[in-house]
């Protein structure tokens, strides 16, 4: 789809023009163990490692090469504080995400996108209208034209 490539290229140019800040893309990596130590019950912990950068545009991420991704989760590279009041499973999971990011090679406090998925064509959250226009599905389940959505998202970077 040439029209989609042009739209993404124009969006990248506009993001660069307004000085929009991109964010890290991270992937899970299991650290290699030291032979013999796993026998005694010690295993290195998984960490998040940087694999690229992209602009977070709501339900999609866009990198400087024109690749578009479905968003996943976002965390920050910070060593979390010990929680004494909130011990819920979800809060512990989020603290472990921050710990894994801190073990990776990210700048302190950096936002990291993880569990993202590269879109290799028109696949969710993207779709085609009957007229052939590329649409994006919002979290509310509503579809809107991608061109409108991206223009609105880029405009938010211009407010800074």
C-alpha atoms as a PDB file:
ATOM      1  CA  UNK A   1       0.000   0.000   0.000  1.00  0.00           C
ATOM      2  CA  UNK A   2       1.849   3.017  -1.320  1.00  0.00           C
ATOM      3  CA  UNK A   3      -0.623   5.449   0.268  1.00  0.00           C
ATOM      4  CA  UNK A   4       0.113   4.011   3.727  1.00  0.00           C
ATOM      5  CA  UNK A   5       3.881   4.319   3.193  1.00  0.00           C
ATOM      6  CA  UNK A   6       3.473   7.950   2.131  1.00  0.00           C
ATOM      7  CA  UNK A   7       1.268   8.671   5.157  1.00  0.00           C
ATOM      8  CA  UNK A   8       3.807   7.112   7.534  1.00  0.00           C
ATOM      9  CA  UNK A   9       6.695   8.942   5.855  1.00  0.00           C
ATOM     10  CA  UNK A  10       4.842  12.272   6.127  1.00  0.00           C
ATOM     11  CA  UNK A  11       4.046  11.533   9.783  1.00  0.00           C
ATOM     12  CA  UNK A  12       7.718  10.830  10.543  1.00  0.00           C
ATOM     13  CA  UNK A  13       8.728  14.105   8.886  1.00  0.00           C
ATOM     14  CA  UNK A  14       6.172  16.000  10.976  1.00  0.00           C
ATOM     15  CA  UNK A  15       7.239  14.263  14.212  1.00  0.00           C
ATOM     16  CA  UNK A  16      10.841  15.234  13.497  1.00  0.00           C
ATOM     17  CA  UNK A  17       9.814  18.785  12.594  1.00  0.00           C
ATOM     18  CA  UNK A  18       8.024  19.317  15.916  1.00  0.00           C
ATOM     19  CA  UNK A  19      10.839  17.639  17.877  1.00  0.00           C
ATOM     20  CA  UNK A  20       8.698  14.808  19.200  1.00  0.00           C
ATOM     21  CA  UNK A  21      10.538  12.595  21.661  1.00  0.00           C
ATOM     22  CA  UNK A  22      10.692   8.924  20.791  1.00  0.00           C
ATOM     23  CA  UNK A  23      10.764   6.059  23.277  1.00  0.00           C
ATOM     24  CA  UNK A  24      12.707   2.825  23.575  1.00  0.00           C
ATOM     25  CA  UNK A  25      11.464  -0.478  22.222  1.00  0.00           C
ATOM     26  CA  UNK A  26      12.437  -3.310  24.529  1.00  0.00           C
ATOM     27  CA  UNK A  27      12.437  -7.084  24.285  1.00  0.00           C
ATOM     28  CA  UNK A  28      12.716  -9.745  26.960  1.00  0.00           C
ATOM     29  CA  UNK A  29      16.030 -11.576  27.166  1.00  0.00           C
ATOM     30  CA  UNK A  30      16.916 -14.353  29.540  1.00  0.00           C
ATOM     31  CA  UNK A  31      20.345 -13.732  30.983  1.00  0.00           C
ATOM     32  CA  UNK A  32      22.876 -16.482  30.465  1.00  0.00           C
ATOM     33  CA  UNK A  33      23.685 -18.365  33.606  1.00  0.00           C
ATOM     34  CA  UNK A  34      27.046 -19.278  35.009  1.00  0.00           C
ATOM     35  CA  UNK A  35      27.664 -23.015  34.605  1.00  0.00           C
ATOM     36  CA  UNK A  36      27.217 -24.828  37.875  1.00  0.00           C
ATOM     37  CA  UNK A  37      25.326 -22.077  39.702  1.00  0.00           C
ATOM     38  CA  UNK A  38      21.902 -23.098  38.421  1.00  0.00           C
ATOM     39  CA  UNK A  39      22.438 -26.442  40.124  1.00  0.00           C
ATOM     40  CA  UNK A  40      22.416 -24.706  43.500  1.00  0.00           C
ATOM     41  CA  UNK A  41      19.194 -22.881  42.678  1.00  0.00           C
ATOM     42  CA  UNK A  42      20.530 -19.558  41.402  1.00  0.00           C
ATOM     43  CA  UNK A  43      19.280 -18.416  38.010  1.00  0.00           C
ATOM     44  CA  UNK A  44      19.904 -15.033  36.422  1.00  0.00           C
ATOM     45  CA  UNK A  45      16.786 -12.931  36.008  1.00  0.00           C
ATOM     46  CA  UNK A  46      15.315 -11.933  32.677  1.00  0.00           C
ATOM     47  CA  UNK A  47      15.836  -8.336  31.651  1.00  0.00           C
ATOM     48  CA  UNK A  48      14.540  -5.942  29.058  1.00  0.00           C
ATOM     49  CA  UNK A  49      17.045  -4.951  26.387  1.00  0.00           C
ATOM     50  CA  UNK A  50      16.810  -2.081  23.881  1.00  0.00           C
ATOM     51  CA  UNK A  51      16.050  -3.108  20.295  1.00  0.00           C
ATOM     52  CA  UNK A  52      15.042   0.212  18.731  1.00  0.00           C
ATOM     53  CA  UNK A  53      13.172   3.463  19.155  1.00  0.00           C
ATOM     54  CA  UNK A  54       9.713   4.601  18.124  1.00  0.00           C
ATOM     55  CA  UNK A  55       7.179   7.323  18.733  1.00  0.00           C
ATOM     56  CA  UNK A  56       4.245   6.213  20.870  1.00  0.00           C
ATOM     57  CA  UNK A  57       1.109   7.370  19.086  1.00  0.00           C
ATOM     58  CA  UNK A  58      -1.620   5.876  21.237  1.00  0.00           C
ATOM     59  CA  UNK A  59      -2.583   2.444  19.917  1.00  0.00           C
ATOM     60  CA  UNK A  60       0.347   2.358  17.469  1.00  0.00           C
ATOM     61  CA  UNK A  61       4.088   2.958  17.563  1.00  0.00           C
ATOM     62  CA  UNK A  62       5.979   4.336  14.565  1.00  0.00           C
ATOM     63  CA  UNK A  63       9.738   4.074  14.100  1.00  0.00           C
ATOM     64  CA  UNK A  64      12.002   6.284  11.987  1.00  0.00           C
ATOM     65  CA  UNK A  65      12.121   3.691   9.198  1.00  0.00           C
ATOM     66  CA  UNK A  66       8.364   3.775   8.683  1.00  0.00           C
ATOM     67  CA  UNK A  67       7.594   0.534  10.526  1.00  0.00           C
ATOM     68  CA  UNK A  68       4.341   0.570  12.435  1.00  0.00           C
ATOM     69  CA  UNK A  69       3.651  -1.514  15.538  1.00  0.00           C
ATOM     70  CA  UNK A  70       0.677  -2.373  17.701  1.00  0.00           C
ATOM     71  CA  UNK A  71       1.408  -1.117  21.200  1.00  0.00           C
ATOM     72  CA  UNK A  72       1.887  -3.381  24.147  1.00  0.00           C
ATOM     73  CA  UNK A  73       2.774  -2.335  27.639  1.00  0.00           C
ATOM     74  CA  UNK A  74       4.967   0.542  28.779  1.00  0.00           C
ATOM     75  CA  UNK A  75       7.230   0.783  31.807  1.00  0.00           C
ATOM     76  CA  UNK A  76      10.092   2.927  33.057  1.00  0.00           C
ATOM     77  CA  UNK A  77      13.697   2.007  33.762  1.00  0.00           C
ATOM     78  CA  UNK A  78      13.733   2.708  37.482  1.00  0.00           C
ATOM     79  CA  UNK A  79      14.597   0.618  40.485  1.00  0.00           C
ATOM     80  CA  UNK A  80      11.226   0.439  42.260  1.00  0.00           C
ATOM     81  CA  UNK A  81      10.832   1.309  45.907  1.00  0.00           C
ATOM     82  CA  UNK A  82       9.858  -1.369  48.377  1.00  0.00           C
ATOM     83  CA  UNK A  83       6.109  -1.414  48.719  1.00  0.00           C
ATOM     84  CA  UNK A  84       4.707  -1.723  52.197  1.00  0.00           C
ATOM     85  CA  UNK A  85       1.074  -0.927  51.499  1.00  0.00           C
ATOM     86  CA  UNK A  86       0.256  -2.257  48.031  1.00  0.00           C
ATOM     87  CA  UNK A  87       1.155  -5.918  47.745  1.00  0.00           C
ATOM     88  CA  UNK A  88      -1.324  -6.853  45.014  1.00  0.00           C
ATOM     89  CA  UNK A  89      -0.187  -9.264  42.311  1.00  0.00           C
ATOM     90  CA  UNK A  90      -0.562  -6.557  39.642  1.00  0.00           C
ATOM     91  CA  UNK A  91       1.501  -4.040  41.609  1.00  0.00           C
ATOM     92  CA  UNK A  92       4.236  -6.665  42.126  1.00  0.00           C
ATOM     93  CA  UNK A  93       4.193  -7.485  38.390  1.00  0.00           C
ATOM     94  CA  UNK A  94       4.660  -3.810  37.526  1.00  0.00           C
ATOM     95  CA  UNK A  95       7.507  -3.476  40.020  1.00  0.00           C
ATOM     96  CA  UNK A  96       9.189  -6.516  38.429  1.00  0.00           C
ATOM     97  CA  UNK A  97       8.835  -4.883  34.977  1.00  0.00           C
ATOM     98  CA  UNK A  98      10.617  -1.786  36.290  1.00  0.00           C
ATOM     99  CA  UNK A  99      13.330  -3.964  37.846  1.00  0.00           C
ATOM    100  CA  UNK A 100      13.820  -5.853  34.535  1.00  0.00           C
ATOM    101  CA  UNK A 101      14.091  -2.531  32.706  1.00  0.00           C
ATOM    102  CA  UNK A 102      16.619  -1.263  35.230  1.00  0.00           C
ATOM    103  CA  UNK A 103      18.708  -4.412  34.601  1.00  0.00           C
ATOM    104  CA  UNK A 104      18.693  -3.599  30.868  1.00  0.00           C
ATOM    105  CA  UNK A 105      20.765  -0.891  29.228  1.00  0.00           C
ATOM    106  CA  UNK A 106      18.287   1.960  29.384  1.00  0.00           C
ATOM    107  CA  UNK A 107      18.767   5.444  30.747  1.00  0.00           C
ATOM    108  CA  UNK A 108      17.401   5.944  34.252  1.00  0.00           C
ATOM    109  CA  UNK A 109      13.738   6.936  34.042  1.00  0.00           C
ATOM    110  CA  UNK A 110      13.406   6.163  30.319  1.00  0.00           C
ATOM    111  CA  UNK A 111      10.029   4.957  28.990  1.00  0.00           C
ATOM    112  CA  UNK A 112      10.202   1.497  27.452  1.00  0.00           C
ATOM    113  CA  UNK A 113       7.614  -0.112  25.217  1.00  0.00           C
ATOM    114  CA  UNK A 114       7.420  -3.885  25.476  1.00  0.00           C
ATOM    115  CA  UNK A 115       5.239  -6.656  24.105  1.00  0.00           C
ATOM    116  CA  UNK A 116       4.677  -4.572  20.957  1.00  0.00           C
ATOM    117  CA  UNK A 117       3.929  -6.305  17.663  1.00  0.00           C
ATOM    118  CA  UNK A 118       5.164  -5.218  14.227  1.00  0.00           C
ATOM    119  CA  UNK A 119       2.361  -4.798  11.713  1.00  0.00           C
ATOM    120  CA  UNK A 120       3.370  -6.281   8.383  1.00  0.00           C
ATOM    121  CA  UNK A 121       0.286  -5.052   6.583  1.00  0.00           C
ATOM    122  CA  UNK A 122      -3.277  -4.164   7.368  1.00  0.00           C
ATOM    123  CA  UNK A 123      -3.892  -6.100  10.554  1.00  0.00           C
ATOM    124  CA  UNK A 124      -5.398  -5.128  13.899  1.00  0.00           C
ATOM    125  CA  UNK A 125      -5.543  -2.440  15.110  1.00  0.00           C
ATOM    126  CA  UNK A 126      -5.541  -1.350  11.426  1.00  0.00           C
ATOM    127  CA  UNK A 127      -8.249  -2.250   8.935  1.00  0.00           C
ATOM    128  CA  UNK A 128      -9.565  -1.135   5.555  1.00  0.00           C
ATOM    129  CA  UNK A 129     -12.866   0.616   4.980  1.00  0.00           C
ATOM    130  CA  UNK A 130     -15.057  -0.560   2.073  1.00  0.00           C
ATOM    131  CA  UNK A 131     -13.653   2.391   0.091  1.00  0.00           C
ATOM    132  CA  UNK A 132     -10.052   1.277   0.781  1.00  0.00           C
ATOM    133  CA  UNK A 133      -9.191   3.891   3.414  1.00  0.00           C
ATOM    134  CA  UNK A 134      -6.902   2.696   6.230  1.00  0.00           C
ATOM    135  CA  UNK A 135      -8.672   2.847   9.588  1.00  0.00           C
ATOM    136  CA  UNK A 136      -7.377   2.426  13.126  1.00  0.00           C
ATOM    137  CA  UNK A 137      -9.420   0.862  15.910  1.00  0.00           C
ATOM    138  CA  UNK A 138      -9.407   2.831  19.139  1.00  0.00           C
ATOM    139  CA  UNK A 139      -9.614   1.234  22.565  1.00  0.00           C
ATOM    140  CA  UNK A 140     -13.302   2.127  22.614  1.00  0.00           C
ATOM    141  CA  UNK A 141     -13.878  -0.135  19.590  1.00  0.00           C
ATOM    142  CA  UNK A 142     -14.478   2.802  17.265  1.00  0.00           C
ATOM    143  CA  UNK A 143     -12.679   2.928  13.899  1.00  0.00           C
ATOM    144  CA  UNK A 144     -11.399   6.239  12.540  1.00  0.00           C
ATOM    145  CA  UNK A 145      -9.269   7.118   9.499  1.00  0.00           C
ATOM    146  CA  UNK A 146      -5.579   6.572  10.243  1.00  0.00           C
ATOM    147  CA  UNK A 147      -4.687   9.871   8.549  1.00  0.00           C
ATOM    148  CA  UNK A 148      -6.918  11.770  11.012  1.00  0.00           C
ATOM    149  CA  UNK A 149      -5.691   9.764  13.983  1.00  0.00           C
ATOM    150  CA  UNK A 150      -2.003  10.340  13.217  1.00  0.00           C
ATOM    151  CA  UNK A 151      -2.533  14.068  12.600  1.00  0.00           C
ATOM    152  CA  UNK A 152      -4.282  14.364  15.982  1.00  0.00           C
ATOM    153  CA  UNK A 153      -1.518  12.439  17.766  1.00  0.00           C
ATOM    154  CA  UNK A 154       1.272  14.490  16.169  1.00  0.00           C
ATOM    155  CA  UNK A 155      -0.565  17.667  17.161  1.00  0.00           C
ATOM    156  CA  UNK A 156      -0.304  16.578  20.814  1.00  0.00           C
ATOM    157  CA  UNK A 157       3.502  16.682  20.518  1.00  0.00           C
ATOM    158  CA  UNK A 158       3.219  20.238  19.193  1.00  0.00           C
ATOM    159  CA  UNK A 159       1.569  21.426  22.419  1.00  0.00           C
ATOM    160  CA  UNK A 160       4.787  21.141  24.442  1.00  0.00           C
END
